[in-house]
Amino acid sequence: PGHIAIVSFDGDEVGMQYLNDGYNWVDAAQAADNTGFLAVEWAVKMTNGQKPDQDVIRDPGIIANIDNCKEVCPKVWGWSKVVTSAAPAVAAGKTVKIGLSMDSLESAFWVANHAAMQAKAKEMGVEMVEVMAEGDPNKQNQQIENLIAQGVTALIIAPKDGAAIVASIKKAKEAGIPVIMDNRPVQGDVLPDLQILSDNYTMAKQALQWFVDKAKKDGKTYKALLLVGNLGDENAVERKKGHMEVLNANKDVIEVVAEVPTEWKHEVALAGMQNAFQAHPDINLIITPSDFLFPPIKSVLEQNNSWKKIGEPGHIAIVSFDGDEVGMQYLKDGYNWVDAAQAADNTGFLAVEWAVKMTNGQKPDSNIFRDPGVIANIDNCSVVCPTVWGWSKVK
């Protein structure tokens, strides 16, 4: 009673602390650190004679509020000094033992996600027992049964197959063990306790729509090769859905002349793309559902003498997804036009934090957290790219 609502601006540690504590409702957060980084970088570039494409670079900021704080607040510069009210690792004498089951570490996204979970578990002082399925859904189910038998207090699962994993989730729930899905959802009739996911459909749609809008502005049309991930992975399903919605609405701008299923395997993608280019040598756009597929993309384009930068004769445009160091490097270097960037690290942090909270009896307000991601492209890269998790390794 008597509360007075507050709407704020800046994103500093005071505003974010009060948002965390329930006094501040919403804070329009600037990028204090990134603005400083850019100022020094451009001072060096201009000293060396380089000029920016425009004389004003505007930080779009992010809006942190009481509804999205779990996902957005950790991205704000002032959040690092906030004292959170997270549940302690041990409550009422209960020991936390997290079981982590992952498909594999084949992509840079999963390597970064895994490292984030390890770091957060160490920071919180909790035990985490890890198993890798190495791409085998049957092996993953067996490994999860073993984790349940070992007495884990919470499970974090990044499944190989969202449908095949249902059996293990049911067994965990029967044992009273909370289940958190890490970046890949369940496909079935059982709901885990929490799913921490990227908004794959919206992000894929936004990235490709940006490219379509630019093509219309430039008066260009494209013949596209559409790569598709493993459709046993709901992320691949949602990304294709987002891509197809834009493609179906813009057939006058982009004509899909080849669709290549990749199964998330480099050799399958390479063979499919080689056949596609042989049948359609006029392809001038590749739409990929993951930066993971850049090695075969680069390989086939080099074979066709088409690994060219934007503006060079023979260049083939690329629209991508993930925000890993490879995709961001190629965006910086002028091969990739736009990348829908997930939050590999923050997803991992949240998974471990909630495994601890659920062990201690806390329940989330919603059983799905969706990372809205950011769309990094050749027009906004100077501002947006430094906020992407893969950018730190770009040369």
Protein backbone atom coordinates (compact mmCIF):
# COMPACT_ATOMS: atom_id res chain seq x y z
CA PRO A 1 0.00 0.00 0.00
CA GLY A 2 1.24 3.48 -0.84
CA HIS A 3 3.67 2.34 -3.55
CA ILE A 4 4.50 4.99 -6.17
CA ALA A 5 5.54 3.60 -9.55
CA ILE A 6 8.77 4.77 -11.19
CA VAL A 7 9.78 4.85 -14.87
CA SER A 8 13.48 5.50 -15.29
CA PHE A 9 16.35 5.92 -17.78
CA ASP A 10 20.04 4.93 -17.84
CA GLY A 11 20.50 1.37 -16.60
CA ASP A 12 23.02 2.21 -13.90
CA GLU A 13 23.53 0.08 -10.81
CA VAL A 14 21.09 2.12 -8.70
CA GLY A 15 18.24 1.96 -11.21
CA MET A 16 18.83 -1.73 -11.84
CA GLN A 17 19.07 -2.49 -8.12
CA TYR A 18 15.72 -0.81 -7.53
CA LEU A 19 14.22 -2.65 -10.49
CA ASN A 20 15.50 -5.92 -9.00
CA ASP A 21 14.14 -4.96 -5.57
CA GLY A 22 10.66 -3.93 -6.82
CA TYR A 23 10.74 -0.12 -6.60
CA ASN A 24 11.53 0.76 -10.24
CA TRP A 25 9.16 -0.60 -12.93
CA VAL A 26 11.15 -0.01 -16.11
CA ASP A 27 14.56 1.40 -17.06
CA ALA A 28 15.66 2.47 -20.56
CA ALA A 29 19.25 1.28 -20.44
CA GLN A 30 22.02 2.96 -22.41
CA ALA A 31 25.33 1.26 -23.21
CA ALA A 32 27.77 3.23 -21.06
CA ASP A 33 30.62 0.81 -21.69
CA ASN A 34 30.06 0.25 -25.41
CA THR A 35 29.78 3.99 -26.08
CA GLY A 36 33.21 4.43 -24.53
CA PHE A 37 34.69 1.52 -26.48
CA LEU A 38 33.39 2.95 -29.75
CA ALA A 39 34.68 6.45 -28.98
CA VAL A 40 38.25 5.21 -28.53
CA GLU A 41 38.06 2.81 -31.49
CA TRP A 42 36.93 5.60 -33.80
CA ALA A 43 39.54 8.00 -32.44
CA VAL A 44 42.16 5.46 -33.57
CA LYS A 45 40.45 4.83 -36.93
CA MET A 46 40.12 8.53 -37.69
CA THR A 47 43.74 9.14 -36.75
CA ASN A 48 44.55 6.58 -39.44
CA GLY A 49 42.37 8.35 -42.00
CA GLN A 50 39.29 6.14 -41.82
CA LYS A 51 35.89 7.83 -41.93
CA PRO A 52 32.59 6.45 -40.60
CA ASP A 53 29.69 5.82 -42.99
CA GLN A 54 27.64 8.35 -41.03
CA ASP A 55 28.41 11.16 -38.61
CA VAL A 56 25.93 9.94 -35.97
CA ILE A 57 25.95 6.44 -34.46
CA ARG A 58 22.97 5.88 -32.20
CA ASP A 59 22.86 3.22 -29.49
CA PRO A 60 19.35 1.67 -29.59
CA GLY A 61 19.62 0.67 -25.94
CA ILE A 62 17.42 -1.97 -24.33
CA ILE A 63 14.30 -1.66 -22.21
CA ALA A 64 14.55 -3.59 -18.95
CA ASN A 65 11.32 -3.99 -17.01
CA ILE A 66 9.71 -6.08 -14.29
CA ASP A 67 8.34 -8.55 -16.86
CA ASN A 68 11.53 -9.23 -18.86
CA CYS A 69 14.19 -8.67 -16.19
CA LYS A 70 15.22 -12.32 -15.92
CA GLU A 71 16.36 -12.30 -19.56
CA VAL A 72 17.21 -8.64 -20.22
CA CYS A 73 18.67 -7.24 -16.98
CA PRO A 74 21.89 -9.31 -17.10
CA LYS A 75 22.69 -7.61 -20.45
CA VAL A 76 22.60 -4.11 -18.89
CA TRP A 77 25.92 -2.51 -17.95
CA GLY A 78 24.79 -1.58 -14.41
CA TRP A 79 23.58 -5.09 -13.56
CA SER A 80 27.02 -6.45 -12.67
CA LYS A 81 26.97 -4.51 -9.38
CA VAL A 82 23.41 -5.42 -8.41
CA VAL A 83 22.97 -7.52 -5.28
CA THR A 84 20.33 -10.08 -6.31
CA SER A 85 18.04 -12.00 -4.02
CA ALA A 86 18.78 -15.33 -5.70
CA ALA A 87 18.25 -18.41 -3.57
CA PRO A 88 21.40 -19.61 -1.83
CA ALA A 89 23.04 -22.77 -3.08
CA VAL A 90 22.11 -24.57 0.13
CA ALA A 91 18.75 -24.08 1.81
CA ALA A 92 17.65 -25.84 4.99
CA GLY A 93 20.66 -28.15 4.74
CA LYS A 94 19.80 -29.36 1.23
CA THR A 95 22.77 -30.03 -1.05
CA VAL A 96 22.50 -29.03 -4.69
CA LYS A 97 23.63 -31.58 -7.25
CA ILE A 98 22.86 -30.54 -10.83
CA GLY A 99 22.76 -33.11 -13.62
CA LEU A 100 23.75 -31.63 -17.00
CA SER A 101 22.92 -33.62 -20.14
CA MET A 102 24.04 -32.15 -23.47
CA ASP A 103 23.83 -33.38 -27.04
CA SER A 104 27.39 -32.39 -28.00
CA LEU A 105 29.83 -29.48 -28.15
CA GLU A 106 30.15 -29.43 -31.94
CA SER A 107 29.20 -25.77 -32.41
CA ALA A 108 30.66 -22.59 -30.93
CA PHE A 109 27.25 -21.77 -29.45
CA TRP A 110 27.20 -24.93 -27.34
CA VAL A 111 30.84 -24.51 -26.30
CA ALA A 112 30.06 -21.00 -25.00
CA ASN A 113 26.80 -22.16 -23.40
CA HIS A 114 28.57 -25.04 -21.65
CA ALA A 115 31.38 -22.78 -20.41
CA ALA A 116 28.82 -20.35 -18.99
CA MET A 117 27.11 -23.13 -17.02
CA GLN A 118 30.42 -24.37 -15.64
CA ALA A 119 31.37 -20.83 -14.60
CA LYS A 120 28.01 -20.19 -12.91
CA ALA A 121 28.09 -23.53 -11.05
CA LYS A 122 31.57 -22.72 -9.77
CA GLU A 123 30.51 -19.20 -8.78
CA MET A 124 27.52 -20.56 -6.84
CA GLY A 125 29.56 -23.35 -5.26
CA VAL A 126 27.38 -26.21 -6.47
CA GLU A 127 28.23 -29.65 -7.85
CA MET A 128 27.38 -30.31 -11.49
CA VAL A 129 27.61 -33.82 -12.96
CA GLU A 130 28.01 -33.64 -16.75
CA VAL A 131 27.30 -36.14 -19.53
CA MET A 132 27.58 -35.81 -23.33
CA ALA A 133 25.37 -37.81 -25.70
CA GLU A 134 27.65 -37.32 -28.73
CA GLY A 135 24.67 -37.00 -31.04
CA ASP A 136 22.94 -40.21 -29.90
CA PRO A 137 19.40 -39.72 -28.48
CA ASN A 138 19.27 -43.28 -27.06
CA LYS A 139 22.56 -42.73 -25.27
CA GLN A 140 21.26 -39.44 -23.90
CA ASN A 141 18.19 -41.13 -22.41
CA GLN A 142 20.37 -43.78 -20.78
CA GLN A 143 22.71 -41.11 -19.38
CA ILE A 144 19.77 -39.18 -17.89
CA GLU A 145 18.48 -42.34 -16.21
CA ASN A 146 21.94 -42.70 -14.66
CA LEU A 147 21.87 -39.09 -13.46
CA ILE A 148 18.47 -39.71 -11.83
CA ALA A 149 19.89 -42.82 -10.13
CA GLN A 150 22.82 -40.73 -8.84
CA GLY A 151 20.38 -38.52 -6.95
CA VAL A 152 20.71 -35.22 -8.81
CA THR A 153 18.45 -32.49 -7.42
CA ALA A 154 17.78 -30.81 -10.77
CA LEU A 155 18.37 -31.64 -14.44
CA ILE A 156 19.50 -29.31 -17.23
CA ILE A 157 18.99 -30.87 -20.66
CA ALA A 158 20.07 -29.75 -24.13
CA PRO A 159 18.50 -32.60 -26.12
CA LYS A 160 19.65 -34.18 -29.35
CA ASP A 161 16.03 -34.89 -30.23
CA GLY A 162 13.16 -32.98 -28.62
CA ALA A 163 10.73 -35.88 -29.11
CA ALA A 164 13.01 -38.73 -28.06
CA ILE A 165 13.84 -36.99 -24.77
CA VAL A 166 10.22 -37.11 -23.54
CA ALA A 167 10.69 -40.53 -21.92
CA SER A 168 13.54 -39.28 -19.73
CA ILE A 169 11.67 -36.13 -18.72
CA LYS A 170 8.72 -38.24 -17.56
CA LYS A 171 11.04 -40.39 -15.43
CA ALA A 172 12.62 -37.30 -13.89
CA LYS A 173 9.23 -35.85 -13.03
CA GLU A 174 8.15 -39.18 -11.50
CA ALA A 175 11.26 -38.95 -9.33
CA GLY A 176 10.38 -35.39 -8.31
CA ILE A 177 13.41 -33.89 -10.06
CA PRO A 178 12.84 -30.49 -11.73
CA VAL A 179 13.83 -30.37 -15.41
CA ILE A 180 15.18 -27.32 -17.26
CA MET A 181 15.51 -27.38 -21.05
CA ASP A 182 18.58 -25.50 -22.24
CA ASN A 183 17.93 -23.70 -25.57
CA ARG A 184 16.14 -26.70 -27.15
CA PRO A 185 12.49 -27.38 -26.30
CA VAL A 186 10.57 -30.59 -25.82
CA GLN A 187 8.42 -31.96 -28.64
CA GLY A 188 5.78 -34.08 -26.92
CA ASP A 189 3.02 -34.40 -24.36
CA VAL A 190 5.08 -33.58 -21.28
CA LEU A 191 6.08 -30.15 -20.02
CA PRO A 192 9.40 -29.64 -18.23
CA ASP A 193 9.49 -27.29 -15.26
CA LEU A 194 11.28 -24.58 -17.25
CA GLN A 195 12.39 -24.06 -20.84
CA ILE A 196 15.03 -21.36 -21.47
CA LEU A 197 14.84 -20.77 -25.20
CA SER A 198 15.71 -18.35 -27.95
CA ASP A 199 12.79 -16.83 -29.83
CA ASN A 200 13.90 -18.69 -32.95
CA TYR A 201 10.85 -17.96 -35.09
CA THR A 202 10.85 -14.21 -34.46
CA MET A 203 14.61 -13.82 -34.76
CA ALA A 204 14.81 -15.73 -38.05
CA LYS A 205 11.91 -13.69 -39.38
CA GLN A 206 13.43 -10.36 -38.31
CA ALA A 207 16.86 -11.11 -39.81
CA LEU A 208 15.48 -12.15 -43.20
CA GLN A 209 12.94 -9.31 -43.24
CA TRP A 210 15.78 -6.84 -42.73
CA PHE A 211 17.52 -8.33 -45.78
CA VAL A 212 14.32 -8.19 -47.87
CA ASP A 213 13.73 -4.54 -46.92
CA LYS A 214 17.29 -3.68 -47.92
CA ALA A 215 16.93 -5.57 -51.22
CA LYS A 216 13.73 -3.63 -52.00
CA LYS A 217 15.44 -0.35 -51.18
CA ASP A 218 18.36 -1.23 -53.46
CA GLY A 219 16.07 -2.56 -56.21
CA LYS A 220 17.62 -6.04 -56.15
CA THR A 221 16.18 -9.55 -56.46
CA TYR A 222 17.71 -12.86 -55.41
CA LYS A 223 17.69 -16.57 -56.19
CA ALA A 224 18.15 -18.31 -52.86
CA LEU A 225 19.50 -21.55 -51.48
CA LEU A 226 17.68 -22.28 -48.20
CA LEU A 227 19.53 -24.48 -45.70
CA VAL A 228 17.44 -26.35 -43.13
CA GLY A 229 18.62 -27.76 -39.80
CA ASN A 230 17.74 -31.11 -38.27
CA LEU A 231 13.94 -31.02 -37.97
CA GLY A 232 14.14 -33.28 -34.91
CA ASP A 233 15.41 -30.08 -33.24
CA GLU A 234 12.52 -27.69 -32.59
CA ASN A 235 14.91 -24.75 -33.00
CA ALA A 236 15.45 -25.76 -36.63
CA VAL A 237 11.69 -26.08 -37.12
CA GLU A 238 11.04 -22.60 -35.73
CA ARG A 239 13.84 -20.98 -37.73
CA LYS A 240 12.55 -22.50 -40.96
CA LYS A 241 9.06 -21.33 -40.07
CA GLY A 242 10.32 -17.75 -39.60
CA HIS A 243 12.30 -17.84 -42.85
CA MET A 244 9.39 -19.29 -44.83
CA GLU A 245 6.93 -16.67 -43.59
CA VAL A 246 9.13 -13.91 -45.01
CA LEU A 247 9.92 -15.84 -48.19
CA ASN A 248 6.27 -16.62 -48.93
CA ALA A 249 5.36 -12.95 -48.51
CA ASN A 250 8.19 -11.69 -50.73
CA LYS A 251 8.40 -14.01 -53.74
CA ASP A 252 8.93 -10.99 -55.98
CA VAL A 253 12.20 -10.28 -54.14
CA ILE A 254 13.53 -13.77 -53.28
CA GLU A 255 12.92 -16.94 -55.25
CA VAL A 256 13.96 -20.11 -53.43
CA VAL A 257 15.47 -22.32 -56.14
CA ALA A 258 16.94 -24.96 -53.81
CA GLU A 259 16.25 -26.24 -50.30
CA VAL A 260 18.95 -28.33 -48.65
CA PRO A 261 18.37 -30.39 -45.47
CA THR A 262 21.58 -30.50 -43.45
CA GLU A 263 20.76 -32.66 -40.38
CA TRP A 264 23.21 -30.30 -38.60
CA LYS A 265 26.08 -32.17 -40.32
CA HIS A 266 28.81 -30.43 -42.32
CA GLU A 267 29.27 -33.24 -44.82
CA VAL A 268 25.54 -33.46 -45.54
CA ALA A 269 25.30 -29.69 -46.00
CA LEU A 270 28.34 -29.62 -48.29
CA ALA A 271 27.06 -32.38 -50.56
CA GLY A 272 23.61 -30.79 -50.77
CA MET A 273 25.01 -27.35 -51.59
CA GLN A 274 27.32 -28.74 -54.26
CA ASN A 275 24.33 -30.36 -55.97
CA ALA A 276 22.29 -27.17 -55.61
CA PHE A 277 24.94 -24.98 -57.23
CA GLN A 278 25.40 -27.47 -60.04
CA ALA A 279 21.68 -27.35 -60.77
CA HIS A 280 21.32 -23.60 -60.13
CA PRO A 281 24.59 -21.76 -60.85
CA ASP A 282 22.71 -18.43 -60.63
CA ILE A 283 22.17 -18.71 -56.85
CA ASN A 284 23.16 -15.37 -55.27
CA LEU A 285 21.81 -15.76 -51.72
CA ILE A 286 22.29 -18.39 -49.02
CA ILE A 287 19.97 -18.45 -45.99
CA THR A 288 21.44 -20.55 -43.19
CA PRO A 289 19.79 -21.48 -39.87
CA SER A 290 23.13 -21.50 -38.02
CA ASP A 291 26.64 -20.06 -38.12
CA PHE A 292 27.69 -23.67 -37.47
CA LEU A 293 27.22 -24.27 -41.21
CA PHE A 294 29.71 -21.61 -42.32
CA PRO A 295 32.59 -24.09 -42.95
CA PRO A 296 30.70 -25.99 -45.70
CA ILE A 297 29.23 -22.71 -46.99
CA LYS A 298 32.70 -21.21 -47.37
CA SER A 299 34.00 -24.42 -48.91
CA VAL A 300 31.36 -24.63 -51.65
CA LEU A 301 31.63 -20.90 -52.43
CA GLU A 302 35.40 -21.17 -52.74
CA GLN A 303 34.94 -24.12 -55.10
CA ASN A 304 32.71 -21.88 -57.24
CA ASN A 305 35.03 -18.85 -56.94
CA SER A 306 32.22 -17.03 -55.13
CA TRP A 307 33.68 -16.47 -51.65
CA LYS A 308 33.66 -12.73 -52.26
CA LYS A 309 33.05 -9.73 -50.05
CA ILE A 310 30.05 -7.44 -50.42
CA GLY A 311 30.59 -5.26 -53.49
CA GLU A 312 33.05 -7.62 -55.17
CA PRO A 313 32.02 -9.26 -58.47
CA GLY A 314 30.57 -12.72 -57.87
CA HIS A 315 29.63 -12.03 -54.23
CA ILE A 316 26.86 -14.25 -52.83
CA ALA A 317 24.88 -12.75 -49.95
CA ILE A 318 24.41 -14.69 -46.69
CA VAL A 319 21.71 -14.39 -44.03
CA SER A 320 22.63 -16.29 -40.86
CA PHE A 321 21.67 -17.16 -37.27
CA ASP A 322 23.53 -17.61 -33.96
CA GLY A 323 25.99 -14.76 -33.39
CA ASP A 324 29.03 -16.99 -32.86
CA GLU A 325 32.58 -15.81 -33.51
CA VAL A 326 32.60 -17.19 -37.07
CA GLY A 327 29.35 -15.54 -38.13
CA MET A 328 30.35 -12.24 -36.51
CA GLN A 329 33.83 -12.35 -38.05
CA TYR A 330 32.32 -12.81 -41.50
CA LEU A 331 29.84 -10.01 -40.83
CA LYS A 332 32.71 -7.70 -39.88
CA ASP A 333 34.75 -8.81 -42.90
CA GLY A 334 31.91 -8.29 -45.38
CA TYR A 335 30.77 -11.81 -46.29
CA ASN A 336 27.74 -12.16 -43.98
CA TRP A 337 24.99 -9.52 -44.25
CA VAL A 338 22.94 -10.17 -41.12
CA ASP A 339 23.09 -12.50 -38.12
CA ALA A 340 20.26 -13.21 -35.66
CA ALA A 341 22.29 -13.48 -32.46
CA GLN A 342 21.26 -15.64 -29.50
CA ALA A 343 22.58 -15.26 -25.95
CA ALA A 344 24.68 -18.42 -25.50
CA ASP A 345 26.19 -17.27 -22.21
CA ASN A 346 23.11 -15.80 -20.54
CA THR A 347 21.05 -18.90 -21.38
CA GLY A 348 23.65 -21.00 -19.57
CA PHE A 349 23.77 -18.70 -16.55
CA LEU A 350 19.99 -18.77 -16.18
CA ALA A 351 19.84 -22.56 -16.47
CA VAL A 352 22.19 -23.08 -13.52
CA GLU A 353 20.64 -20.31 -11.43
CA TRP A 354 17.20 -21.85 -11.84
CA ALA A 355 18.48 -25.37 -11.16
CA VAL A 356 19.62 -24.05 -7.78
CA LYS A 357 16.39 -22.15 -7.15
CA MET A 358 14.22 -25.13 -8.04
CA THR A 359 16.26 -27.43 -5.82
CA ASN A 360 15.38 -25.01 -3.04
CA GLY A 361 11.68 -25.11 -3.90
CA GLN A 362 11.34 -21.89 -5.87
CA LYS A 363 9.20 -21.91 -9.01
CA PRO A 364 9.39 -19.52 -11.99
CA ASP A 365 6.44 -17.28 -12.84
CA SER A 366 6.38 -18.82 -16.33
CA ASN A 367 7.65 -22.19 -17.55
CA ILE A 368 9.18 -20.59 -20.67
CA PHE A 369 11.81 -17.86 -20.78
CA ARG A 370 12.45 -16.57 -24.32
CA ASP A 371 15.61 -14.69 -25.25
CA PRO A 372 14.59 -12.01 -27.80
CA GLY A 373 18.11 -11.94 -29.22
CA VAL A 374 19.55 -9.10 -31.27
CA ILE A 375 19.76 -8.65 -35.05
CA ALA A 376 23.27 -7.62 -36.06
CA ASN A 377 23.68 -6.44 -39.64
CA ILE A 378 26.04 -4.48 -41.86
CA ASP A 379 24.18 -1.24 -41.12
CA ASN A 380 24.08 -1.41 -37.31
CA CYS A 381 27.23 -3.44 -36.59
CA SER A 382 29.23 -0.60 -35.07
CA VAL A 383 26.63 -0.35 -32.29
CA VAL A 384 25.07 -3.82 -32.03
CA CYS A 385 27.92 -6.24 -32.81
CA PRO A 386 29.90 -5.51 -29.59
CA THR A 387 26.84 -6.64 -27.58
CA VAL A 388 26.84 -10.10 -29.21
CA TRP A 389 28.45 -12.99 -27.31
CA GLY A 390 30.63 -14.12 -30.25
CA TRP A 391 32.08 -10.65 -30.89
CA SER A 392 34.74 -10.90 -28.18
CA LYS A 393 36.75 -13.33 -30.33
CA VAL A 394 36.47 -11.37 -33.57
CA LYS A 395 39.76 -10.09 -34.97
